[in-house]
Amino acid sequence: CDTGMGHRMARRFDELGMTVFAGCLQSEGKGALELKDVCSKQLHIVPLDVTNDEQVKKAVEYVEANLPPGEKGLHCLINNAGILAYADFDLMTLRMCEEVINVNLMGSIRVTKHFLPLICRTPGKCCL
């Protein structure tokens, strides 16, 4: 939720009165600090590097420990972390391709797999 669509969705869901756990790659970066400034106390900044299994596990622990009273799990998980390699394919190195795949594909899989138990506890849940 550092920038772009994730940042805008976090702000909007907070405006609607929802508890929001905003995963930010840079938890002290410009986007996270802006969310802290403009949003309510129901928005939590959660350090989240989707390529780091341990950090994703810590994010799950944080969310579980900070669910609103009476809530057993998450109603919604939105995976929107993504990067783009700004190069023609023939100029891209294999390392660049691996980085894109690790964030855009494996990051979504990793986050969903770890958060799945919290999602499954809630009726009417969704995963995007």
Foldseek 3Di string as FASTA:
>chain_A
DQDDPLLVVLQVCQVVVAQAEREDCDCPDPSNVVCVVPGDPSYHYQHDDLLDLVSLLVSLVVCCVPPPPPQQADQEAEQDFFDDDPDDPVPDDVVNVVVRCSGVPVSLVSNCVNRVVRQVVDPNHYYD
